[in-house]
Amino acid sequence: QVQLVESGGGLVQAGGSLRLSCAASGRTFSNYAMGWFRQAPGKEREFVAAVSWSGGGYADSVKGRFTISRDNAKNTVYLQMNSLKPEDTAVYYCAADTRGRSSSSPTMYAYWGQGTQVTVSS
């Protein structure tokens, strides 16, 4: 069982920055693929970014603005979000796949955090 706890959300003006953190339990965190997803009201959950030992990727909507990184010594994955836009407003979730396969599909991730709200004002 893997537990994930997100933090770092909040209210920010357009053009601002936030850094989300996701702390994970488990002894083999370095083997996990980690993903960030988001869900806005009335919309489906969508892929934001993912990272694994073999690589990762970003949604087109956040490329060049968001950066995913991980600190295996701290069992933590981060999402640095710059140049935020009102359309980035959503609940952000981190997810883990203990098989280590980075994916943009939420169905590939067995473990999810509770989510953290990000609100970008115009």
C-alpha atoms as a PDB file:
ATOM      1  CA  GLN A   1       0.000   0.000   0.000  1.00  0.00           C
ATOM      2  CA  VAL A   2       1.303   3.423  -0.955  1.00  0.00           C
ATOM      3  CA  GLN A   3       0.091   6.609   0.677  1.00  0.00           C
ATOM      4  CA  LEU A   4       0.439   9.945  -1.082  1.00  0.00           C
ATOM      5  CA  VAL A   5       0.034  13.352   0.528  1.00  0.00           C
ATOM      6  CA  GLU A   6       0.007  16.508  -1.598  1.00  0.00           C
ATOM      7  CA  SER A   7       0.722  20.020  -0.375  1.00  0.00           C
ATOM      8  CA  GLY A   8       1.517  23.444  -1.762  1.00  0.00           C
ATOM      9  CA  GLY A   9      -1.733  24.462  -3.406  1.00  0.00           C
ATOM     10  CA  GLY A  10      -3.287  27.867  -2.948  1.00  0.00           C
ATOM     11  CA  LEU A  11      -4.486  31.067  -4.555  1.00  0.00           C
ATOM     12  CA  VAL A  12      -2.163  32.898  -6.926  1.00  0.00           C
ATOM     13  CA  GLN A  13      -2.520  35.650  -9.508  1.00  0.00           C
ATOM     14  CA  ALA A  14      -2.105  34.952 -13.186  1.00  0.00           C
ATOM     15  CA  GLY A  15       1.573  34.917 -14.098  1.00  0.00           C
ATOM     16  CA  GLY A  16       2.574  33.709 -10.665  1.00  0.00           C
ATOM     17  CA  SER A  17       4.163  30.467  -9.501  1.00  0.00           C
ATOM     18  CA  LEU A  18       3.440  27.627  -7.116  1.00  0.00           C
ATOM     19  CA  ARG A  19       5.297  24.466  -6.213  1.00  0.00           C
ATOM     20  CA  LEU A  20       3.308  21.386  -5.339  1.00  0.00           C
ATOM     21  CA  SER A  21       4.811  18.558  -3.321  1.00  0.00           C
ATOM     22  CA  CYS A  22       3.721  14.954  -2.976  1.00  0.00           C
ATOM     23  CA  ALA A  23       5.194  12.824  -0.219  1.00  0.00           C
ATOM     24  CA  ALA A  24       4.977   9.076  -0.731  1.00  0.00           C
ATOM     25  CA  SER A  25       5.305   6.119   1.580  1.00  0.00           C
ATOM     26  CA  GLY A  26       7.156   2.977   0.572  1.00  0.00           C
ATOM     27  CA  ARG A  27      10.702   1.674   0.564  1.00  0.00           C
ATOM     28  CA  THR A  28      11.089   1.508  -3.194  1.00  0.00           C
ATOM     29  CA  PHE A  29       9.927   4.991  -4.141  1.00  0.00           C
ATOM     30  CA  SER A  30      12.755   5.341  -6.647  1.00  0.00           C
ATOM     31  CA  ASN A  31      11.156   2.561  -8.709  1.00  0.00           C
ATOM     32  CA  TYR A  32       7.737   4.219  -8.848  1.00  0.00           C
ATOM     33  CA  ALA A  33       6.420   6.128 -11.808  1.00  0.00           C
ATOM     34  CA  MET A  34       4.868   9.316 -10.486  1.00  0.00           C
ATOM     35  CA  GLY A  35       2.276  11.437 -12.199  1.00  0.00           C
ATOM     36  CA  TRP A  36       0.439  14.690 -11.665  1.00  0.00           C
ATOM     37  CA  PHE A  37      -3.146  15.074 -12.856  1.00  0.00           C
ATOM     38  CA  ARG A  38      -5.728  17.799 -12.421  1.00  0.00           C
ATOM     39  CA  GLN A  39      -9.482  18.075 -12.440  1.00  0.00           C
ATOM     40  CA  ALA A  40     -11.453  21.271 -12.917  1.00  0.00           C
ATOM     41  CA  PRO A  41     -15.136  21.527 -11.958  1.00  0.00           C
ATOM     42  CA  GLY A  42     -17.332  19.771 -14.496  1.00  0.00           C
ATOM     43  CA  LYS A  43     -14.369  18.340 -16.381  1.00  0.00           C
ATOM     44  CA  GLU A  44     -12.636  15.000 -16.515  1.00  0.00           C
ATOM     45  CA  ARG A  45      -9.349  14.367 -14.768  1.00  0.00           C
ATOM     46  CA  GLU A  46      -6.512  15.220 -17.137  1.00  0.00           C
ATOM     47  CA  PHE A  47      -2.833  14.414 -17.330  1.00  0.00           C
ATOM     48  CA  VAL A  48      -0.326  17.113 -16.416  1.00  0.00           C
ATOM     49  CA  ALA A  49       3.105  15.480 -16.094  1.00  0.00           C
ATOM     50  CA  ALA A  50       4.808  12.223 -15.242  1.00  0.00           C
ATOM     51  CA  VAL A  51       8.273  10.971 -14.383  1.00  0.00           C
ATOM     52  CA  SER A  52       9.861   7.554 -13.980  1.00  0.00           C
ATOM     53  CA  TRP A  53      13.323   6.015 -14.141  1.00  0.00           C
ATOM     54  CA  SER A  54      12.889   5.705 -17.914  1.00  0.00           C
ATOM     55  CA  GLY A  55      11.708   9.217 -18.602  1.00  0.00           C
ATOM     56  CA  GLY A  56       8.476  11.163 -18.527  1.00  0.00           C
ATOM     57  CA  GLY A  57       6.518  13.882 -20.230  1.00  0.00           C
ATOM     58  CA  TYR A  58       4.125  16.772 -20.080  1.00  0.00           C
ATOM     59  CA  ALA A  59       0.733  17.710 -21.392  1.00  0.00           C
ATOM     60  CA  ASP A  60       0.962  20.174 -24.267  1.00  0.00           C
ATOM     61  CA  SER A  61      -0.963  22.725 -22.230  1.00  0.00           C
ATOM     62  CA  VAL A  62       1.785  22.967 -19.591  1.00  0.00           C
ATOM     63  CA  LYS A  63       4.986  22.378 -21.592  1.00  0.00           C
ATOM     64  CA  GLY A  64       7.510  25.096 -20.968  1.00  0.00           C
ATOM     65  CA  ARG A  65       5.671  26.312 -17.862  1.00  0.00           C
ATOM     66  CA  PHE A  66       5.574  23.318 -15.500  1.00  0.00           C
ATOM     67  CA  THR A  67       8.454  21.108 -14.353  1.00  0.00           C
ATOM     68  CA  ILE A  68       8.145  17.752 -12.623  1.00  0.00           C
ATOM     69  CA  SER A  69      11.011  16.531 -10.464  1.00  0.00           C
ATOM     70  CA  ARG A  70      11.624  14.019  -7.720  1.00  0.00           C
ATOM     71  CA  ASP A  71      13.863  13.613  -4.703  1.00  0.00           C
ATOM     72  CA  ASN A  72      14.173   9.893  -4.073  1.00  0.00           C
ATOM     73  CA  ALA A  73      15.975  10.471  -0.770  1.00  0.00           C
ATOM     74  CA  LYS A  74      12.878  12.288   0.498  1.00  0.00           C
ATOM     75  CA  ASN A  75      10.297  10.080  -1.238  1.00  0.00           C
ATOM     76  CA  THR A  76       8.858  13.240  -2.756  1.00  0.00           C
ATOM     77  CA  VAL A  77       7.805  14.393  -6.204  1.00  0.00           C
ATOM     78  CA  TYR A  78       7.363  18.055  -7.060  1.00  0.00           C
ATOM     79  CA  LEU A  79       5.491  20.069  -9.639  1.00  0.00           C
ATOM     80  CA  GLN A  80       6.911  23.538 -10.192  1.00  0.00           C
ATOM     81  CA  MET A  81       4.273  25.654 -11.915  1.00  0.00           C
ATOM     82  CA  ASN A  82       5.295  28.959 -13.486  1.00  0.00           C
ATOM     83  CA  SER A  83       3.431  31.493 -15.612  1.00  0.00           C
ATOM     84  CA  LEU A  84       0.144  30.246 -14.209  1.00  0.00           C
ATOM     85  CA  LYS A  85      -3.057  30.953 -16.091  1.00  0.00           C
ATOM     86  CA  PRO A  86      -6.684  31.029 -14.896  1.00  0.00           C
ATOM     87  CA  GLU A  87      -7.287  27.858 -16.921  1.00  0.00           C
ATOM     88  CA  ASP A  88      -4.796  26.048 -14.675  1.00  0.00           C
ATOM     89  CA  THR A  89      -7.324  26.313 -11.847  1.00  0.00           C
ATOM     90  CA  ALA A  90      -8.155  22.790 -10.665  1.00  0.00           C
ATOM     91  CA  VAL A  91      -7.638  20.229  -7.954  1.00  0.00           C
ATOM     92  CA  TYR A  92      -4.217  18.704  -8.531  1.00  0.00           C
ATOM     93  CA  TYR A  93      -3.594  15.063  -7.697  1.00  0.00           C
ATOM     94  CA  CYS A  94      -0.409  13.064  -7.572  1.00  0.00           C
ATOM     95  CA  ALA A  95      -0.472   9.395  -8.455  1.00  0.00           C
ATOM     96  CA  ALA A  96       1.903   6.449  -8.225  1.00  0.00           C
ATOM     97  CA  ASP A  97       2.449   3.356 -10.322  1.00  0.00           C
ATOM     98  CA  THR A  98       4.650   0.931  -8.383  1.00  0.00           C
ATOM     99  CA  ARG A  99       5.407  -0.944 -11.614  1.00  0.00           C
ATOM    100  CA  GLY A 100       7.405   2.072 -12.737  1.00  0.00           C
ATOM    101  CA  ARG A 101       5.681   2.672 -16.047  1.00  0.00           C
ATOM    102  CA  SER A 102       5.254   6.355 -16.781  1.00  0.00           C
ATOM    103  CA  SER A 103       1.921   7.040 -18.451  1.00  0.00           C
ATOM    104  CA  SER A 104      -0.485   9.841 -19.265  1.00  0.00           C
ATOM    105  CA  SER A 105      -3.475   7.590 -18.578  1.00  0.00           C
ATOM    106  CA  PRO A 106      -4.959   7.846 -15.085  1.00  0.00           C
ATOM    107  CA  THR A 107      -6.049   4.205 -15.256  1.00  0.00           C
ATOM    108  CA  MET A 108      -2.405   3.115 -15.090  1.00  0.00           C
ATOM    109  CA  TYR A 109      -1.965   4.531 -11.586  1.00  0.00           C
ATOM    110  CA  ALA A 110      -3.163   2.491  -8.629  1.00  0.00           C
ATOM    111  CA  TYR A 111      -2.453   5.010  -5.882  1.00  0.00           C
ATOM    112  CA  TRP A 112      -3.739   8.562  -5.545  1.00  0.00           C
ATOM    113  CA  GLY A 113      -3.419  11.429  -3.139  1.00  0.00           C
ATOM    114  CA  GLN A 114      -6.324  13.426  -1.781  1.00  0.00           C
ATOM    115  CA  GLY A 115      -5.658  16.414  -4.032  1.00  0.00           C
ATOM    116  CA  THR A 116      -4.711  20.025  -3.452  1.00  0.00           C
ATOM    117  CA  GLN A 117      -6.611  23.036  -4.782  1.00  0.00           C
ATOM    118  CA  VAL A 118      -4.868  25.477  -7.104  1.00  0.00           C
ATOM    119  CA  THR A 119      -6.751  28.648  -7.954  1.00  0.00           C
ATOM    120  CA  VAL A 120      -5.364  31.195 -10.407  1.00  0.00           C
ATOM    121  CA  SER A 121      -7.069  34.572 -10.460  1.00  0.00           C
ATOM    122  CA  SER A 122      -7.085  36.824 -13.511  1.00  0.00           C
END
